[in-house]
Amino acid sequence: MILLQLSAGQGPAECCLALARALERLRDEAAAMRVDCNVLEQEPGPEPGTWQSLLLALEGAGAEALAQRWNGSLLWTCPSPYRPGYGRKNWYFAGQVLALPAPPPSGEVRIDTLRASGAGGQHVNRTESAVRATHLASGISVKVQSERSQHANRRLALLLLGRRLAQQAEEARQSLRAGRRQLHHELERGNPRRCFRGPRFEEAGTCIY
């Protein structure tokens, strides 16, 4: 399996539309290459039918080759359908191949099966093919119903849960770094209670700064 993220970044609605068009094209290419393409996560854009971000799972012999075709900076050149007469015609978005996260230990996860909801016909609604995976320690939960097989949905749910936990850990590290930078800033501007000087780290009677 290959994880591919498509993102419009901070671009305007046109870039989000480019992402929607890219998804259609990517799905066509995946079908031609016999690669399974599933959307694991999506963040909608400002206009109906557009996307700010998409996380895709690609599986099959050609998955890596397909992902590499979409890896990097991407450009869509087109007059804006939202702003007639607007001078800009170049809309950038990007693809990035992501490393597969390690799934959480099975003893830390509760797996619940449930009926899938939404479109998909009688099979989807009548069978308990959907899977919800919950990390017991953090309470983080994900639901996957993109596959018809409960086993396949379970595998994707554990993968997605591992990614959420990795993101949480990274956010905590970023928060710690931000706090350390803020503390450094405050220390630079603050009034020191004690001052030390020289190689021997001797305390100075008077702070001069």
Protein backbone atom coordinates (compact mmCIF):
# COMPACT_ATOMS: atom_id res chain seq x y z
CA MET A 1 0.00 0.00 0.00
CA ILE A 2 1.10 3.54 -0.81
CA LEU A 3 -0.26 6.63 0.93
CA LEU A 4 -0.55 9.70 -1.27
CA GLN A 5 -1.65 13.09 -0.01
CA LEU A 6 -2.92 15.75 -2.38
CA SER A 7 -3.12 19.28 -1.04
CA ALA A 8 -4.16 22.70 -2.27
CA GLY A 9 -2.09 24.23 0.51
CA GLN A 10 -3.14 27.79 1.22
CA GLY A 11 -4.30 28.28 -2.34
CA PRO A 12 -7.69 29.78 -3.32
CA ALA A 13 -10.81 27.93 -4.42
CA GLU A 14 -9.35 27.39 -7.89
CA CYS A 15 -6.55 25.29 -6.40
CA CYS A 16 -9.15 23.25 -4.50
CA LEU A 17 -10.99 22.70 -7.75
CA ALA A 18 -7.73 21.58 -9.33
CA LEU A 19 -7.53 18.96 -6.58
CA ALA A 20 -11.00 17.66 -7.44
CA ARG A 21 -10.03 17.43 -11.09
CA ALA A 22 -6.80 15.71 -10.15
CA LEU A 23 -8.70 13.09 -8.15
CA GLU A 24 -10.85 12.25 -11.18
CA ARG A 25 -7.77 11.94 -13.38
CA LEU A 26 -5.89 9.90 -10.80
CA ARG A 27 -8.79 7.46 -10.45
CA ASP A 28 -8.85 6.97 -14.22
CA GLU A 29 -5.12 6.30 -14.26
CA ALA A 30 -5.47 3.93 -11.30
CA ALA A 31 -8.15 1.94 -13.11
CA ALA A 32 -5.99 1.71 -16.24
CA MET A 33 -3.05 0.48 -14.14
CA ARG A 34 -5.24 -1.88 -12.09
CA VAL A 35 -4.48 -0.01 -8.90
CA ASP A 36 -7.08 0.23 -6.15
CA CYS A 37 -7.57 3.86 -5.10
CA ASN A 38 -9.45 4.68 -1.90
CA VAL A 39 -9.98 8.04 -0.22
CA LEU A 40 -9.14 7.68 3.47
CA GLU A 41 -9.48 11.30 4.54
CA GLN A 42 -10.79 14.43 2.88
CA GLU A 43 -11.03 18.09 3.77
CA PRO A 44 -13.59 19.99 1.68
CA GLY A 45 -12.71 23.21 -0.10
CA PRO A 46 -14.65 26.49 -0.03
CA GLU A 47 -16.75 25.63 -3.08
CA PRO A 48 -19.03 22.59 -3.52
CA GLY A 49 -17.23 19.63 -5.01
CA THR A 50 -13.75 20.96 -4.25
CA TRP A 51 -11.09 19.64 -1.88
CA GLN A 52 -8.50 21.32 0.29
CA SER A 53 -6.77 18.04 1.06
CA LEU A 54 -7.11 14.35 0.21
CA LEU A 55 -5.40 11.30 1.67
CA LEU A 56 -5.43 8.33 -0.72
CA ALA A 57 -4.50 4.68 -0.30
CA LEU A 58 -3.12 3.08 -3.47
CA GLU A 59 -2.76 -0.69 -3.73
CA GLY A 60 -1.55 -2.89 -6.53
CA ALA A 61 1.57 -3.69 -8.51
CA GLY A 62 1.59 -0.23 -10.09
CA ALA A 63 0.77 1.73 -6.93
CA GLU A 64 4.26 3.09 -6.38
CA ALA A 65 4.70 4.13 -10.01
CA LEU A 66 1.31 5.85 -9.98
CA ALA A 67 2.05 7.67 -6.73
CA GLN A 68 5.36 8.95 -8.05
CA ARG A 69 3.57 10.48 -11.02
CA TRP A 70 1.67 12.67 -8.57
CA ASN A 71 4.50 13.32 -6.14
CA GLY A 72 5.68 16.94 -6.04
CA SER A 73 4.45 20.34 -7.14
CA LEU A 74 1.59 20.24 -9.64
CA LEU A 75 0.12 22.98 -11.82
CA TRP A 76 -3.29 23.51 -13.35
CA THR A 77 -3.49 26.31 -15.95
CA CYS A 78 -7.02 27.51 -16.59
CA PRO A 79 -9.07 30.72 -16.42
CA SER A 80 -10.83 30.99 -13.09
CA PRO A 81 -14.38 29.58 -13.21
CA TYR A 82 -15.18 31.54 -10.06
CA ARG A 83 -13.81 34.96 -11.03
CA PRO A 84 -14.54 35.80 -14.69
CA GLY A 85 -11.93 38.08 -16.21
CA TYR A 86 -9.44 37.39 -13.43
CA GLY A 87 -5.92 37.63 -14.78
CA ARG A 88 -4.36 34.68 -12.97
CA LYS A 89 -4.53 31.33 -14.77
CA ASN A 90 -1.94 29.20 -12.96
CA TRP A 91 -3.17 27.17 -9.98
CA TYR A 92 -0.67 25.14 -8.01
CA PHE A 93 -1.27 22.15 -5.78
CA ALA A 94 0.95 19.33 -4.62
CA GLY A 95 1.17 15.60 -4.07
CA GLN A 96 3.28 13.89 -1.46
CA VAL A 97 4.00 10.22 -0.91
CA LEU A 98 3.82 9.51 2.81
CA ALA A 99 5.58 6.84 4.80
CA LEU A 100 3.29 4.18 6.16
CA PRO A 101 2.83 4.67 9.91
CA ALA A 102 3.27 1.75 12.27
CA PRO A 103 -0.12 0.43 13.43
CA PRO A 104 -0.78 0.72 17.16
CA PRO A 105 -0.36 -2.46 19.24
CA SER A 106 -3.52 -4.56 18.98
CA GLY A 107 -3.96 -4.63 22.77
CA GLU A 108 -4.38 -0.85 22.80
CA VAL A 109 -7.16 -0.78 20.19
CA ARG A 110 -10.83 -1.73 20.36
CA ILE A 111 -12.37 -2.88 17.09
CA ASP A 112 -16.12 -2.48 16.54
CA THR A 113 -17.99 -3.64 13.46
CA LEU A 114 -21.09 -1.84 12.24
CA ARG A 115 -23.23 -1.39 9.21
CA ALA A 116 -21.87 0.91 6.57
CA SER A 117 -23.91 4.01 5.82
CA GLY A 118 -24.47 6.07 2.71
CA ALA A 119 -24.49 5.05 -0.92
CA GLY A 120 -23.51 1.57 -1.92
CA GLY A 121 -26.65 -0.45 -2.38
CA GLN A 122 -28.15 -3.23 -0.37
CA HIS A 123 -24.87 -5.01 0.27
CA VAL A 124 -23.36 -1.99 2.01
CA ASN A 125 -26.38 -1.34 4.18
CA ARG A 126 -27.18 -4.89 5.20
CA THR A 127 -23.76 -6.22 6.16
CA GLU A 128 -21.56 -5.14 9.05
CA SER A 129 -18.58 -4.40 6.83
CA ALA A 130 -17.68 -1.03 8.35
CA VAL A 131 -15.05 -0.95 11.09
CA ARG A 132 -14.41 1.54 13.87
CA ALA A 133 -11.00 1.40 15.55
CA THR A 134 -10.56 3.21 18.86
CA HIS A 135 -7.26 3.83 20.62
CA LEU A 136 -8.15 3.17 24.24
CA ALA A 137 -5.56 5.42 25.86
CA SER A 138 -6.31 8.56 23.84
CA GLY A 139 -9.90 7.95 22.77
CA ILE A 140 -8.99 8.68 19.14
CA SER A 141 -11.38 6.83 16.84
CA VAL A 142 -11.58 6.26 13.09
CA LYS A 143 -14.27 4.64 10.96
CA VAL A 144 -13.58 3.01 7.61
CA GLN A 145 -16.21 1.70 5.20
CA SER A 146 -14.58 2.24 1.84
CA GLU A 147 -14.08 -1.50 1.22
CA ARG A 148 -16.72 -4.22 0.91
CA SER A 149 -14.63 -6.58 3.01
CA GLN A 150 -14.62 -6.19 6.79
CA HIS A 151 -11.05 -7.51 6.86
CA ALA A 152 -9.90 -4.85 4.38
CA ASN A 153 -11.68 -2.11 6.33
CA ARG A 154 -10.06 -3.34 9.56
CA ARG A 155 -6.60 -3.11 7.99
CA LEU A 156 -7.27 0.40 6.69
CA ALA A 157 -8.73 1.49 10.03
CA LEU A 158 -5.62 0.38 11.92
CA LEU A 159 -3.42 2.12 9.37
CA LEU A 160 -5.42 5.33 9.61
CA LEU A 161 -5.45 5.17 13.40
CA GLY A 162 -1.68 4.78 13.40
CA ARG A 163 -1.41 7.90 11.24
CA ARG A 164 -3.68 9.89 13.58
CA LEU A 165 -1.56 8.87 16.57
CA ALA A 166 1.63 9.83 14.72
CA GLN A 167 0.09 13.21 13.85
CA GLN A 168 -0.89 13.74 17.50
CA ALA A 169 2.65 12.96 18.62
CA GLU A 170 4.09 15.36 16.04
CA GLU A 171 1.67 18.12 17.10
CA ALA A 172 2.75 17.62 20.70
CA ARG A 173 6.39 17.93 19.66
CA GLN A 174 5.63 21.08 17.70
CA SER A 175 3.75 22.55 20.65
CA LEU A 176 6.70 21.80 22.91
CA ARG A 177 9.10 23.45 20.47
CA ALA A 178 6.82 26.49 20.21
CA GLY A 179 6.65 26.71 24.00
CA ARG A 180 10.41 26.50 24.22
CA ARG A 181 10.79 29.26 21.64
CA GLN A 182 8.30 31.42 23.56
CA LEU A 183 10.15 30.75 26.80
CA HIS A 184 13.42 31.71 25.12
CA HIS A 185 11.82 34.91 23.86
CA GLU A 186 10.49 35.76 27.32
CA LEU A 187 13.82 35.06 28.92
CA GLU A 188 15.58 37.37 26.49
CA ARG A 189 13.18 40.19 27.30
CA GLY A 190 12.71 39.49 30.99
CA ASN A 191 14.51 40.84 34.03
CA PRO A 192 16.92 38.17 35.30
CA ARG A 193 16.80 37.38 38.98
CA ARG A 194 20.38 36.04 38.96
CA CYS A 195 23.33 36.49 36.64
CA PHE A 196 26.45 34.41 36.16
CA ARG A 197 29.75 35.23 34.48
CA GLY A 198 32.91 33.61 33.20
CA PRO A 199 34.08 30.04 32.64
CA ARG A 200 33.54 29.26 36.31
CA PHE A 201 29.91 30.31 36.16
CA GLU A 202 30.40 32.72 38.98
CA GLU A 203 27.44 34.69 40.19
CA ALA A 204 27.62 38.41 39.69
CA GLY A 205 26.53 40.69 42.46
CA THR A 206 24.88 43.02 39.96
CA CYS A 207 23.23 42.04 36.73
CA ILE A 208 24.35 44.16 33.81
CA TYR A 209 22.52 43.38 30.56
